Amino acid sequence: MENENKCIVERGEFKGKPVLILKRNEDDKFAFSFGLTKARLILDNLEEIKKFVEECGKKDNAQ
Protein backbone atom coordinates (compact mmCIF):
# COMPACT_ATOMS: atom_id res chain seq x y z
CA MET A 1 0.00 0.00 0.00
CA GLU A 2 1.30 3.47 -0.91
CA ASN A 3 0.14 6.57 0.96
CA GLU A 4 -0.17 10.17 -0.30
CA ASN A 5 3.49 10.89 0.56
CA LYS A 6 4.67 8.11 -1.77
CA CYS A 7 5.82 6.00 1.16
CA ILE A 8 5.26 2.26 0.93
CA VAL A 9 3.41 0.99 3.98
CA GLU A 10 3.32 -2.72 4.76
CA ARG A 11 2.17 -4.80 7.67
CA GLY A 12 4.30 -7.60 8.95
CA GLU A 13 5.04 -9.66 12.00
CA PHE A 14 7.97 -9.83 14.41
CA LYS A 15 8.11 -12.56 17.05
CA GLY A 16 4.39 -13.14 16.60
CA LYS A 17 3.46 -9.47 17.06
CA PRO A 18 2.11 -7.16 14.34
CA VAL A 19 4.41 -4.43 12.98
CA LEU A 20 4.04 -1.57 10.55
CA ILE A 21 6.83 -1.17 7.98
CA LEU A 22 7.51 2.14 6.22
CA LYS A 23 9.72 2.21 3.12
CA ARG A 24 10.85 5.11 0.94
CA ASN A 25 10.66 2.81 -2.07
CA GLU A 26 10.53 -0.91 -2.87
CA ASP A 27 14.34 -1.23 -2.64
CA ASP A 28 14.70 0.59 0.70
CA LYS A 29 17.32 -1.34 2.68
CA PHE A 30 16.64 0.68 5.84
CA ALA A 31 12.89 0.35 6.26
CA PHE A 32 11.42 1.79 9.45
CA SER A 33 9.35 -0.71 11.39
CA PHE A 34 7.58 -0.53 14.72
CA GLY A 35 4.94 -2.32 16.72
CA LEU A 36 1.86 -1.29 18.60
CA THR A 37 3.66 0.05 21.70
CA LYS A 38 5.87 2.39 19.66
CA ALA A 39 2.93 3.36 17.43
CA ARG A 40 1.06 4.52 20.53
CA LEU A 41 4.14 6.48 21.70
CA ILE A 42 4.34 8.15 18.30
CA LEU A 43 0.65 9.09 18.34
CA ASP A 44 0.85 10.38 21.91
CA ASN A 45 3.79 12.61 20.96
CA LEU A 46 2.87 13.61 17.42
CA GLU A 47 2.94 17.35 18.13
CA GLU A 48 6.48 17.13 19.54
CA ILE A 49 7.55 15.09 16.51
CA LYS A 50 6.06 17.71 14.18
CA LYS A 51 7.85 20.48 16.09
CA PHE A 52 11.12 18.54 15.88
CA VAL A 53 10.78 18.13 12.10
CA GLU A 54 9.96 21.82 11.66
CA GLU A 55 12.89 23.01 13.78
CA CYS A 56 15.47 20.59 12.43
CA GLY A 57 14.18 20.86 8.88
CA LYS A 58 14.86 24.61 8.91
CA LYS A 59 18.45 23.96 10.04
CA ASP A 60 18.95 21.38 7.29
CA ASN A 61 17.62 23.76 4.63
CA ALA A 62 19.87 26.58 5.82
CA GLN A 63 23.05 24.59 5.13
C-alpha atoms as a PDB file:
ATOM      1  CA  MET A   1       0.000   0.000   0.000  1.00  0.00           C
ATOM      2  CA  GLU A   2       1.295   3.471  -0.910  1.00  0.00           C
ATOM      3  CA  ASN A   3       0.144   6.575   0.963  1.00  0.00           C
ATOM      4  CA  GLU A   4      -0.167  10.173  -0.304  1.00  0.00           C
ATOM      5  CA  ASN A   5       3.492  10.888   0.565  1.00  0.00           C
ATOM      6  CA  LYS A   6       4.671   8.106  -1.771  1.00  0.00           C
ATOM      7  CA  CYS A   7       5.822   6.001   1.163  1.00  0.00           C
ATOM      8  CA  ILE A   8       5.258   2.262   0.926  1.00  0.00           C
ATOM      9  CA  VAL A   9       3.405   0.991   3.980  1.00  0.00           C
ATOM     10  CA  GLU A  10       3.324  -2.716   4.758  1.00  0.00           C
ATOM     11  CA  ARG A  11       2.166  -4.802   7.668  1.00  0.00           C
ATOM     12  CA  GLY A  12       4.297  -7.603   8.949  1.00  0.00           C
ATOM     13  CA  GLU A  13       5.042  -9.664  11.997  1.00  0.00           C
ATOM     14  CA  PHE A  14       7.974  -9.835  14.407  1.00  0.00           C
ATOM     15  CA  LYS A  15       8.105 -12.561  17.045  1.00  0.00           C
ATOM     16  CA  GLY A  16       4.386 -13.143  16.600  1.00  0.00           C
ATOM     17  CA  LYS A  17       3.458  -9.465  17.058  1.00  0.00           C
ATOM     18  CA  PRO A  18       2.109  -7.161  14.339  1.00  0.00           C
ATOM     19  CA  VAL A  19       4.406  -4.434  12.980  1.00  0.00           C
ATOM     20  CA  LEU A  20       4.038  -1.573  10.551  1.00  0.00           C
ATOM     21  CA  ILE A  21       6.830  -1.172   7.983  1.00  0.00           C
ATOM     22  CA  LEU A  22       7.514   2.143   6.217  1.00  0.00           C
ATOM     23  CA  LYS A  23       9.725   2.207   3.122  1.00  0.00           C
ATOM     24  CA  ARG A  24      10.849   5.112   0.945  1.00  0.00           C
ATOM     25  CA  ASN A  25      10.664   2.805  -2.068  1.00  0.00           C
ATOM     26  CA  GLU A  26      10.526  -0.912  -2.866  1.00  0.00           C
ATOM     27  CA  ASP A  27      14.344  -1.226  -2.639  1.00  0.00           C
ATOM     28  CA  ASP A  28      14.702   0.587   0.702  1.00  0.00           C
ATOM     29  CA  LYS A  29      17.317  -1.343   2.684  1.00  0.00           C
ATOM     30  CA  PHE A  30      16.645   0.684   5.840  1.00  0.00           C
ATOM     31  CA  ALA A  31      12.892   0.354   6.257  1.00  0.00           C
ATOM     32  CA  PHE A  32      11.417   1.793   9.445  1.00  0.00           C
ATOM     33  CA  SER A  33       9.350  -0.711  11.389  1.00  0.00           C
ATOM     34  CA  PHE A  34       7.575  -0.534  14.719  1.00  0.00           C
ATOM     35  CA  GLY A  35       4.940  -2.323  16.718  1.00  0.00           C
ATOM     36  CA  LEU A  36       1.859  -1.287  18.605  1.00  0.00           C
ATOM     37  CA  THR A  37       3.657   0.052  21.698  1.00  0.00           C
ATOM     38  CA  LYS A  38       5.869   2.393  19.660  1.00  0.00           C
ATOM     39  CA  ALA A  39       2.931   3.358  17.427  1.00  0.00           C
ATOM     40  CA  ARG A  40       1.064   4.517  20.535  1.00  0.00           C
ATOM     41  CA  LEU A  41       4.136   6.475  21.703  1.00  0.00           C
ATOM     42  CA  ILE A  42       4.343   8.153  18.301  1.00  0.00           C
ATOM     43  CA  LEU A  43       0.654   9.086  18.341  1.00  0.00           C
ATOM     44  CA  ASP A  44       0.854  10.376  21.908  1.00  0.00           C
ATOM     45  CA  ASN A  45       3.789  12.614  20.957  1.00  0.00           C
ATOM     46  CA  LEU A  46       2.867  13.606  17.420  1.00  0.00           C
ATOM     47  CA  GLU A  47       2.935  17.347  18.132  1.00  0.00           C
ATOM     48  CA  GLU A  48       6.481  17.131  19.543  1.00  0.00           C
ATOM     49  CA  ILE A  49       7.548  15.092  16.509  1.00  0.00           C
ATOM     50  CA  LYS A  50       6.062  17.709  14.183  1.00  0.00           C
ATOM     51  CA  LYS A  51       7.847  20.482  16.086  1.00  0.00           C
ATOM     52  CA  PHE A  52      11.119  18.542  15.884  1.00  0.00           C
ATOM     53  CA  VAL A  53      10.776  18.129  12.103  1.00  0.00           C
ATOM     54  CA  GLU A  54       9.961  21.818  11.656  1.00  0.00           C
ATOM     55  CA  GLU A  55      12.890  23.010  13.782  1.00  0.00           C
ATOM     56  CA  CYS A  56      15.469  20.587  12.432  1.00  0.00           C
ATOM     57  CA  GLY A  57      14.184  20.864   8.880  1.00  0.00           C
ATOM     58  CA  LYS A  58      14.861  24.606   8.914  1.00  0.00           C
ATOM     59  CA  LYS A  59      18.452  23.958  10.038  1.00  0.00           C
ATOM     60  CA  ASP A  60      18.951  21.375   7.286  1.00  0.00           C
ATOM     61  CA  ASN A  61      17.616  23.756   4.625  1.00  0.00           C
ATOM     62  CA  ALA A  62      19.869  26.581   5.821  1.00  0.00           C
ATOM     63  CA  GLN A  63      23.050  24.587   5.133  1.00  0.00           C
END
